[in-house]
PDB file of N, CA and C in Angstrom:
ATOM      1  N   MET A   1       0.851  -1.174   0.000  1.00  0.00           N
ATOM      2  CA  MET A   1       0.000   0.000   0.000  1.00  0.00           C
ATOM      3  C   MET A   1       0.899   1.240   0.000  1.00  0.00           C
ATOM      4  N   GLU A   2       0.599   2.160  -0.914  1.00  0.00           N
ATOM      5  CA  GLU A   2       1.391   3.369  -1.039  1.00  0.00           C
ATOM      6  C   GLU A   2       0.793   4.480  -0.180  1.00  0.00           C
ATOM      7  N   MET A   3       1.661   5.195   0.540  1.00  0.00           N
ATOM      8  CA  MET A   3       1.196   6.279   1.397  1.00  0.00           C
ATOM      9  C   MET A   3       1.181   7.587   0.630  1.00  0.00           C
ATOM     10  N   ASP A   4       0.215   8.429   0.976  1.00  0.00           N
ATOM     11  CA  ASP A   4       0.134   9.764   0.389  1.00  0.00           C
ATOM     12  C   ASP A   4       1.278  10.631   0.875  1.00  0.00           C
ATOM     13  N   LEU A   5       1.783  11.448  -0.002  1.00  0.00           N
ATOM     14  CA  LEU A   5       2.780  12.436   0.369  1.00  0.00           C
ATOM     15  C   LEU A   5       2.066  13.559   1.122  1.00  0.00           C
ATOM     16  N   LEU A   6       2.632  14.012   2.216  1.00  0.00           N
ATOM     17  CA  LEU A   6       2.071  15.129   2.972  1.00  0.00           C
ATOM     18  C   LEU A   6       2.797  16.399   2.577  1.00  0.00           C
ATOM     19  N   ILE A   7       2.028  17.459   2.326  1.00  0.00           N
ATOM     20  CA  ILE A   7       2.640  18.727   1.949  1.00  0.00           C
ATOM     21  C   ILE A   7       2.207  19.818   2.923  1.00  0.00           C
ATOM     22  N   SER A   8       3.039  20.834   3.041  1.00  0.00           N
ATOM     23  CA  SER A   8       2.755  21.938   3.961  1.00  0.00           C
ATOM     24  C   SER A   8       1.664  22.847   3.392  1.00  0.00           C
ATOM     25  N   VAL A   9       1.122  23.673   4.265  1.00  0.00           N
ATOM     26  CA  VAL A   9       0.113  24.650   3.839  1.00  0.00           C
ATOM     27  C   VAL A   9       0.724  25.585   2.791  1.00  0.00           C
ATOM     28  N   GLN A  10       1.960  26.019   3.021  1.00  0.00           N
ATOM     29  CA  GLN A  10       2.647  26.915   2.085  1.00  0.00           C
ATOM     30  C   GLN A  10       2.793  26.269   0.710  1.00  0.00           C
ATOM     31  N   GLU A  11       3.185  24.995   0.682  1.00  0.00           N
ATOM     32  CA  GLU A  11       3.333  24.277  -0.588  1.00  0.00           C
ATOM     33  C   GLU A  11       1.986  24.066  -1.249  1.00  0.00           C
ATOM     34  N   ALA A  12       0.961  23.777  -0.470  1.00  0.00           N
ATOM     35  CA  ALA A  12      -0.384  23.618  -1.024  1.00  0.00           C
ATOM     36  C   ALA A  12      -0.839  24.919  -1.677  1.00  0.00           C
ATOM     37  N   ALA A  13      -0.571  26.043  -1.021  1.00  0.00           N
ATOM     38  CA  ALA A  13      -0.935  27.351  -1.581  1.00  0.00           C
ATOM     39  C   ALA A  13      -0.231  27.569  -2.921  1.00  0.00           C
ATOM     40  N   ARG A  14       1.037  27.205  -2.976  1.00  0.00           N
ATOM     41  CA  ARG A  14       1.794  27.353  -4.224  1.00  0.00           C
ATOM     42  C   ARG A  14       1.204  26.484  -5.323  1.00  0.00           C
ATOM     43  N   ARG A  15       0.880  25.233  -4.992  1.00  0.00           N
ATOM     44  CA  ARG A  15       0.327  24.299  -5.987  1.00  0.00           C
ATOM     45  C   ARG A  15      -1.081  24.681  -6.423  1.00  0.00           C
ATOM     46  N   LEU A  16      -1.769  25.433  -5.611  1.00  0.00           N
ATOM     47  CA  LEU A  16      -3.115  25.888  -5.967  1.00  0.00           C
ATOM     48  C   LEU A  16      -3.068  27.211  -6.737  1.00  0.00           C
ATOM     49  N   GLY A  17      -1.967  27.447  -7.397  1.00  0.00           N
ATOM     50  CA  GLY A  17      -1.869  28.616  -8.265  1.00  0.00           C
ATOM     51  C   GLY A  17      -1.319  29.845  -7.580  1.00  0.00           C
ATOM     52  N   GLY A  18      -0.655  29.650  -6.454  1.00  0.00           N
ATOM     53  CA  GLY A  18      -0.055  30.785  -5.774  1.00  0.00           C
ATOM     54  C   GLY A  18      -1.017  31.578  -4.907  1.00  0.00           C
ATOM     55  N   ILE A  19      -2.074  30.912  -4.443  1.00  0.00           N
ATOM     56  CA  ILE A  19      -2.996  31.601  -3.541  1.00  0.00           C
ATOM     57  C   ILE A  19      -2.310  31.820  -2.194  1.00  0.00           C
ATOM     58  N   SER A  20      -2.890  32.648  -1.366  1.00  0.00           N
ATOM     59  CA  SER A  20      -2.334  32.930  -0.046  1.00  0.00           C
ATOM     60  C   SER A  20      -2.445  31.702   0.857  1.00  0.00           C
ATOM     61  N   LYS A  21      -1.462  31.551   1.745  1.00  0.00           N
ATOM     62  CA  LYS A  21      -1.553  30.452   2.716  1.00  0.00           C
ATOM     63  C   LYS A  21      -2.746  30.669   3.637  1.00  0.00           C
ATOM     64  N   TRP A  22      -3.156  31.928   3.804  1.00  0.00           N
ATOM     65  CA  TRP A  22      -4.326  32.226   4.642  1.00  0.00           C
ATOM     66  C   TRP A  22      -5.612  31.747   3.976  1.00  0.00           C
ATOM     67  N   THR A  23      -5.637  31.752   2.650  1.00  0.00           N
ATOM     68  CA  THR A  23      -6.788  31.191   1.931  1.00  0.00           C
ATOM     69  C   THR A  23      -6.852  29.689   2.171  1.00  0.00           C
ATOM     70  N   VAL A  24      -5.700  29.037   2.145  1.00  0.00           N
ATOM     71  CA  VAL A  24      -5.656  27.590   2.416  1.00  0.00           C
ATOM     72  C   VAL A  24      -6.160  27.328   3.834  1.00  0.00           C
ATOM     73  N   HIS A  25      -5.727  28.139   4.804  1.00  0.00           N
ATOM     74  CA  HIS A  25      -6.212  27.972   6.180  1.00  0.00           C
ATOM     75  C   HIS A  25      -7.727  28.181   6.255  1.00  0.00           C
ATOM     76  N   ALA A  26      -8.241  29.162   5.513  1.00  0.00           N
ATOM     77  CA  ALA A  26      -9.692  29.400   5.493  1.00  0.00           C
ATOM     78  C   ALA A  26     -10.410  28.184   4.911  1.00  0.00           C
ATOM     79  N   TRP A  27      -9.871  27.614   3.829  1.00  0.00           N
ATOM     80  CA  TRP A  27     -10.488  26.431   3.223  1.00  0.00           C
ATOM     81  C   TRP A  27     -10.462  25.258   4.183  1.00  0.00           C
ATOM     82  N   LEU A  28      -9.405  25.139   4.968  1.00  0.00           N
ATOM     83  CA  LEU A  28      -9.340  24.078   5.972  1.00  0.00           C
ATOM     84  C   LEU A  28     -10.433  24.281   7.018  1.00  0.00           C
ATOM     85  N   SER A  29     -10.615  25.515   7.458  1.00  0.00           N
ATOM     86  CA  SER A  29     -11.647  25.816   8.458  1.00  0.00           C
ATOM     87  C   SER A  29     -13.047  25.579   7.922  1.00  0.00           C
ATOM     88  N   GLN A  30     -13.243  25.863   6.625  1.00  0.00           N
ATOM     89  CA  GLN A  30     -14.552  25.697   5.992  1.00  0.00           C
ATOM     90  C   GLN A  30     -14.835  24.252   5.605  1.00  0.00           C
ATOM     91  N   GLY A  31     -13.825  23.404   5.688  1.00  0.00           N
ATOM     92  CA  GLY A  31     -14.011  22.003   5.310  1.00  0.00           C
ATOM     93  C   GLY A  31     -13.817  21.742   3.831  1.00  0.00           C
ATOM     94  N   ARG A  32     -13.377  22.731   3.067  1.00  0.00           N
ATOM     95  CA  ARG A  32     -13.137  22.531   1.639  1.00  0.00           C
ATOM     96  C   ARG A  32     -11.885  21.684   1.418  1.00  0.00           C
ATOM     97  N   LEU A  33     -10.962  21.719   2.368  1.00  0.00           N
ATOM     98  CA  LEU A  33      -9.766  20.887   2.376  1.00  0.00           C
ATOM     99  C   LEU A  33      -9.713  20.162   3.712  1.00  0.00           C
ATOM    100  N   GLN A  34      -9.216  18.925   3.698  1.00  0.00           N
ATOM    101  CA  GLN A  34      -9.070  18.162   4.937  1.00  0.00           C
ATOM    102  C   GLN A  34      -7.618  18.234   5.397  1.00  0.00           C
ATOM    103  N   ARG A  35      -7.417  18.496   6.683  1.00  0.00           N
ATOM    104  CA  ARG A  35      -6.067  18.595   7.236  1.00  0.00           C
ATOM    105  C   ARG A  35      -5.636  17.270   7.852  1.00  0.00           C
ATOM    106  N   THR A  36      -4.333  17.110   7.919  1.00  0.00           N
ATOM    107  CA  THR A  36      -3.709  16.007   8.637  1.00  0.00           C
ATOM    108  C   THR A  36      -2.696  16.642   9.575  1.00  0.00           C
ATOM    109  N   LYS A  37      -2.856  16.411  10.865  1.00  0.00           N
ATOM    110  CA  LYS A  37      -1.942  16.995  11.843  1.00  0.00           C
ATOM    111  C   LYS A  37      -0.753  16.055  12.047  1.00  0.00           C
ATOM    112  N   VAL A  38       0.441  16.621  12.007  1.00  0.00           N
ATOM    113  CA  VAL A  38       1.668  15.881  12.279  1.00  0.00           C
ATOM    114  C   VAL A  38       2.371  16.663  13.378  1.00  0.00           C
ATOM    115  N   GLY A  39       2.294  16.142  14.590  1.00  0.00           N
ATOM    116  CA  GLY A  39       2.775  16.918  15.726  1.00  0.00           C
ATOM    117  C   GLY A  39       1.929  18.177  15.827  1.00  0.00           C
ATOM    118  N   GLY A  40       2.548  19.328  15.783  1.00  0.00           N
ATOM    119  CA  GLY A  40       1.807  20.586  15.820  1.00  0.00           C
ATOM    120  C   GLY A  40       1.572  21.184  14.448  1.00  0.00           C
ATOM    121  N   ARG A  41       2.087  20.519  13.398  1.00  0.00           N
ATOM    122  CA  ARG A  41       1.979  21.072  12.045  1.00  0.00           C
ATOM    123  C   ARG A  41       0.721  20.602  11.345  1.00  0.00           C
ATOM    124  N   THR A  42       0.155  21.494  10.556  1.00  0.00           N
ATOM    125  CA  THR A  42      -0.963  21.151   9.689  1.00  0.00           C
ATOM    126  C   THR A  42      -0.408  20.791   8.328  1.00  0.00           C
ATOM    127  N   MET A  43      -0.720  19.600   7.888  1.00  0.00           N
ATOM    128  CA  MET A  43      -0.266  19.115   6.586  1.00  0.00           C
ATOM    129  C   MET A  43      -1.490  18.723   5.766  1.00  0.00           C
ATOM    130  N   ILE A  44      -1.291  18.617   4.471  1.00  0.00           N
ATOM    131  CA  ILE A  44      -2.383  18.254   3.562  1.00  0.00           C
ATOM    132  C   ILE A  44      -1.894  17.097   2.705  1.00  0.00           C
ATOM    133  N   ARG A  45      -2.729  16.069   2.610  1.00  0.00           N
ATOM    134  CA  ARG A  45      -2.380  14.909   1.781  1.00  0.00           C
ATOM    135  C   ARG A  45      -2.421  15.324   0.308  1.00  0.00           C
ATOM    136  N   GLU A  46      -1.495  14.800  -0.452  1.00  0.00           N
ATOM    137  CA  GLU A  46      -1.428  15.119  -1.877  1.00  0.00           C
ATOM    138  C   GLU A  46      -2.727  14.722  -2.586  1.00  0.00           C
ATOM    139  N   SER A  47      -3.313  13.601  -2.181  1.00  0.00           N
ATOM    140  CA  SER A  47      -4.567  13.160  -2.804  1.00  0.00           C
ATOM    141  C   SER A  47      -5.711  14.131  -2.495  1.00  0.00           C
ATOM    142  N   GLU A  48      -5.688  14.720  -1.312  1.00  0.00           N
ATOM    143  CA  GLU A  48      -6.707  15.709  -0.936  1.00  0.00           C
ATOM    144  C   GLU A  48      -6.564  16.961  -1.794  1.00  0.00           C
ATOM    145  N   LEU A  49      -5.338  17.388  -2.009  1.00  0.00           N
ATOM    146  CA  LEU A  49      -5.088  18.552  -2.851  1.00  0.00           C
ATOM    147  C   LEU A  49      -5.534  18.272  -4.287  1.00  0.00           C
ATOM    148  N   ALA A  50      -5.254  17.074  -4.779  1.00  0.00           N
ATOM    149  CA  ALA A  50      -5.672  16.687  -6.130  1.00  0.00           C
ATOM    150  C   ALA A  50      -7.192  16.714  -6.251  1.00  0.00           C
ATOM    151  N   ARG A  51      -7.886  16.282  -5.201  1.00  0.00           N
ATOM    152  CA  ARG A  51      -9.355  16.301  -5.215  1.00  0.00           C
ATOM    153  C   ARG A  51      -9.875  17.731  -5.355  1.00  0.00           C
ATOM    154  N   VAL A  52      -9.298  18.642  -4.596  1.00  0.00           N
ATOM    155  CA  VAL A  52      -9.743  20.037  -4.642  1.00  0.00           C
ATOM    156  C   VAL A  52      -9.438  20.646  -6.008  1.00  0.00           C
ATOM    157  N   ILE A  53      -8.284  20.335  -6.550  1.00  0.00           N
ATOM    158  CA  ILE A  53      -7.930  20.851  -7.879  1.00  0.00           C
ATOM    159  C   ILE A  53      -8.897  20.307  -8.921  1.00  0.00           C
ATOM    160  N   GLU A  54      -9.222  19.019  -8.823  1.00  0.00           N
ATOM    161  CA  GLU A  54     -10.156  18.395  -9.753  1.00  0.00           C
ATOM    162  C   GLU A  54     -11.538  19.026  -9.670  1.00  0.00           C
ATOM    163  N   ASP A  55     -11.972  19.356  -8.446  1.00  0.00           N
ATOM    164  CA  ASP A  55     -13.284  19.987  -8.242  1.00  0.00           C
ATOM    165  C   ASP A  55     -13.270  21.467  -8.613  1.00  0.00           C
ATOM    166  N   GLY A  56     -12.100  22.010  -8.896  1.00  0.00           N
ATOM    167  CA  GLY A  56     -12.009  23.419  -9.241  1.00  0.00           C
ATOM    168  C   GLY A  56     -12.087  24.329  -8.026  1.00  0.00           C
ATOM    169  N   GLY A  57     -11.872  23.789  -6.829  1.00  0.00           N
ATOM    170  CA  GLY A  57     -11.917  24.612  -5.627  1.00  0.00           C
ATOM    171  C   GLY A  57     -13.312  25.040  -5.246  1.00  0.00           C
ATOM    172  N   LYS A  58     -14.305  24.411  -5.868  1.00  0.00           N
ATOM    173  CA  LYS A  58     -15.693  24.804  -5.612  1.00  0.00           C
ATOM    174  C   LYS A  58     -16.214  24.183  -4.333  1.00  0.00           C
ATOM    175  N   SER A  59     -17.101  24.909  -3.694  1.00  0.00           N
ATOM    176  CA  SER A  59     -17.808  24.366  -2.543  1.00  0.00           C
ATOM    177  C   SER A  59     -19.285  24.606  -2.782  1.00  0.00           C
ATOM    178  N   PRO A  60     -20.153  23.843  -2.138  1.00  0.00           N
ATOM    179  CA  PRO A  60     -21.569  24.033  -2.353  1.00  0.00           C
ATOM    180  C   PRO A  60     -21.988  25.443  -1.952  1.00  0.00           C
ATOM    181  N   ALA A  61     -22.864  26.026  -2.757  1.00  0.00           N
ATOM    182  CA  ALA A  61     -23.364  27.374  -2.455  1.00  0.00           C
ATOM    183  C   ALA A  61     -24.233  27.323  -1.206  1.00  0.00           C
ATOM    184  N   PRO A  62     -24.134  28.345  -0.375  1.00  0.00           N
ATOM    185  CA  PRO A  62     -24.986  28.358   0.819  1.00  0.00           C
ATOM    186  C   PRO A  62     -26.453  28.448   0.419  1.00  0.00           C
ATOM    187  N   CYS A  63     -27.270  27.765   1.151  1.00  0.00           N
ATOM    188  CA  CYS A  63     -28.704  27.728   0.858  1.00  0.00           C
ATOM    189  C   CYS A  63     -29.439  28.637   1.833  1.00  0.00           C
ATOM    190  N   ARG A  64     -30.135  29.605   1.306  1.00  0.00           N
ATOM    191  CA  ARG A  64     -30.949  30.501   2.124  1.00  0.00           C
ATOM    192  C   ARG A  64     -32.405  30.287   1.758  1.00  0.00           C
ATOM    193  N   PRO A  65     -33.119  29.556   2.545  1.00  0.00           N
ATOM    194  CA  PRO A  65     -34.524  29.336   2.213  1.00  0.00           C
ATOM    195  C   PRO A  65     -35.302  30.647   2.303  1.00  0.00           C
ATOM    196  N   ARG A  66     -36.141  30.873   1.346  1.00  0.00           N
ATOM    197  CA  ARG A  66     -36.973  32.065   1.303  1.00  0.00           C
ATOM    198  C   ARG A  66     -38.335  31.715   1.889  1.00  0.00           C
ATOM    199  N   PRO A  67     -38.872  32.589   2.732  1.00  0.00           N
ATOM    200  CA  PRO A  67     -40.215  32.320   3.262  1.00  0.00           C
ATOM    201  C   PRO A  67     -41.204  32.139   2.116  1.00  0.00           C
ATOM    202  N   ALA A  68     -42.044  31.148   2.223  1.00  0.00           N
ATOM    203  CA  ALA A  68     -42.972  30.805   1.149  1.00  0.00           C
ATOM    204  C   ALA A  68     -43.944  31.937   0.842  1.00  0.00           C
ATOM    205  N   ASN A  69     -44.290  32.726   1.845  1.00  0.00           N
ATOM    206  CA  ASN A  69     -45.297  33.765   1.623  1.00  0.00           C
ATOM    207  C   ASN A  69     -44.698  35.108   1.209  1.00  0.00           C
ATOM    208  N   GLN A  70     -43.383  35.179   1.003  1.00  0.00           N
ATOM    209  CA  GLN A  70     -42.758  36.449   0.650  1.00  0.00           C
ATOM    210  C   GLN A  70     -42.881  36.686  -0.855  1.00  0.00           C
ATOM    211  N   THR A  71     -43.508  37.805  -1.213  1.00  0.00           N
ATOM    212  CA  THR A  71     -43.707  38.137  -2.624  1.00  0.00           C
ATOM    213  C   THR A  71     -42.563  39.016  -3.107  1.00  0.00           C
ATOM    214  N   LYS A  72     -42.539  39.251  -4.401  1.00  0.00           N
ATOM    215  CA  LYS A  72     -41.514  40.105  -4.984  1.00  0.00           C
ATOM    216  C   LYS A  72     -41.596  41.513  -4.392  1.00  0.00           C
ATOM    217  N   ASP A  73     -42.816  42.024  -4.219  1.00  0.00           N
ATOM    218  CA  ASP A  73     -43.000  43.370  -3.659  1.00  0.00           C
ATOM    219  C   ASP A  73     -42.517  43.442  -2.213  1.00  0.00           C
ATOM    220  N   SER A  74     -42.802  42.421  -1.418  1.00  0.00           N
ATOM    221  CA  SER A  74     -42.385  42.454  -0.014  1.00  0.00           C
ATOM    222  C   SER A  74     -40.866  42.332   0.099  1.00  0.00           C
ATOM    223  N   ARG A  75     -40.235  41.587  -0.833  1.00  0.00           N
ATOM    224  CA  ARG A  75     -38.779  41.506  -0.837  1.00  0.00           C
ATOM    225  C   ARG A  75     -38.171  42.860  -1.170  1.00  0.00           C
ATOM    226  N   ALA A  76     -38.770  43.555  -2.137  1.00  0.00           N
ATOM    227  CA  ALA A  76     -38.279  44.881  -2.521  1.00  0.00           C
ATOM    228  C   ALA A  76     -38.436  45.858  -1.360  1.00  0.00           C
ATOM    229  N   GLU A  77     -39.533  45.776  -0.657  1.00  0.00           N
ATOM    230  CA  GLU A  77     -39.762  46.654   0.502  1.00  0.00           C
ATOM    231  C   GLU A  77     -38.762  46.348   1.615  1.00  0.00           C
ATOM    232  N   ALA A  78     -38.485  45.089   1.852  1.00  0.00           N
ATOM    233  CA  ALA A  78     -37.508  44.707   2.866  1.00  0.00           C
ATOM    234  C   ALA A  78     -36.124  45.233   2.498  1.00  0.00           C
ATOM    235  N   GLU A  79     -35.791  45.182   1.215  1.00  0.00           N
ATOM    236  CA  GLU A  79     -34.496  45.694   0.767  1.00  0.00           C
ATOM    237  C   GLU A  79     -34.426  47.212   0.932  1.00  0.00           C
ATOM    238  N   ARG A  80     -35.492  47.914   0.618  1.00  0.00           N
ATOM    239  CA  ARG A  80     -35.523  49.374   0.811  1.00  0.00           C
ATOM    240  C   ARG A  80     -35.350  49.721   2.280  1.00  0.00           C
ATOM    241  N   SER A  81     -36.012  48.985   3.157  1.00  0.00           N
ATOM    242  CA  SER A  81     -35.901  49.225   4.602  1.00  0.00           C
ATOM    243  C   SER A  81     -34.478  48.981   5.085  1.00  0.00           C
ATOM    244  N   ARG A  82     -33.872  47.921   4.589  1.00  0.00           N
ATOM    245  CA  ARG A  82     -32.498  47.595   4.974  1.00  0.00           C
ATOM    246  C   ARG A  82     -31.547  48.705   4.553  1.00  0.00           C
ATOM    247  N   ARG A  83     -31.706  49.192   3.330  1.00  0.00           N
ATOM    248  CA  ARG A  83     -30.838  50.267   2.833  1.00  0.00           C
ATOM    249  C   ARG A  83     -31.040  51.549   3.629  1.00  0.00           C
ATOM    250  N   GLU A  84     -32.285  51.851   3.978  1.00  0.00           N
ATOM    251  CA  GLU A  84     -32.584  53.047   4.769  1.00  0.00           C
ATOM    252  C   GLU A  84     -31.928  52.965   6.148  1.00  0.00           C
ATOM    253  N   ARG A  85     -31.991  51.785   6.787  1.00  0.00           N
ATOM    254  CA  ARG A  85     -31.344  51.604   8.092  1.00  0.00           C
ATOM    255  C   ARG A  85     -29.835  51.795   7.979  1.00  0.00           C
ATOM    256  N   MET A  86     -29.247  51.247   6.928  1.00  0.00           N
ATOM    257  CA  MET A  86     -27.808  51.396   6.726  1.00  0.00           C
ATOM    258  C   MET A  86     -27.437  52.860   6.530  1.00  0.00           C
ATOM    259  N   ARG A  87     -28.257  53.585   5.747  1.00  0.00           N
ATOM    260  CA  ARG A  87     -27.986  55.000   5.513  1.00  0.00           C
ATOM    261  C   ARG A  87     -28.062  55.781   6.803  1.00  0.00           C
ATOM    262  N   ARG A  88     -29.102  55.507   7.619  1.00  0.00           N
ATOM    263  CA  ARG A  88     -29.261  56.211   8.898  1.00  0.00           C
ATOM    264  C   ARG A  88     -28.095  55.902   9.843  1.00  0.00           C
ATOM    265  N   ASN A  89     -27.666  54.660   9.875  1.00  0.00           N
ATOM    266  CA  ASN A  89     -26.547  54.280  10.739  1.00  0.00           C
ATOM    267  C   ASN A  89     -25.238  54.946  10.294  1.00  0.00           C
ATOM    268  N   ALA A  90     -25.081  55.154   9.002  1.00  0.00           N
ATOM    269  CA  ALA A  90     -23.870  55.794   8.488  1.00  0.00           C
ATOM    270  C   ALA A  90     -23.819  57.259   8.864  1.00  0.00           C
ATOM    271  N   LEU A  91     -24.983  57.897   9.096  1.00  0.00           N
ATOM    272  CA  LEU A  91     -25.035  59.318   9.437  1.00  0.00           C
ATOM    273  C   LEU A  91     -24.793  59.558  10.925  1.00  0.00           C
ATOM    274  N   VAL A  92     -24.907  58.519  11.721  1.00  0.00           N
ATOM    275  CA  VAL A  92     -24.764  58.680  13.184  1.00  0.00           C
ATOM    276  C   VAL A  92     -23.327  58.875  13.583  1.00  0.00           C
TER     277      VAL A  92
END
């Protein structure tokens, strides 16, 4: 049985097209990448990195259920109210 090569967060960032290591840490926190701890170090299996590259780095879009009784007009009114509150808060 062949073991996966473990790579550092910095190396994973480089292999993912030079993204920031902080982006890799964010993906680890979000579950988009799986970590392997070696002592105190966070490492990533090469096969895990290949999976993310194959998937294109995509993660499922967040699902926001809309209330069934909300109409287009009520959504527009809610958006106007939200913008008005933001404007008032910016003036304070």
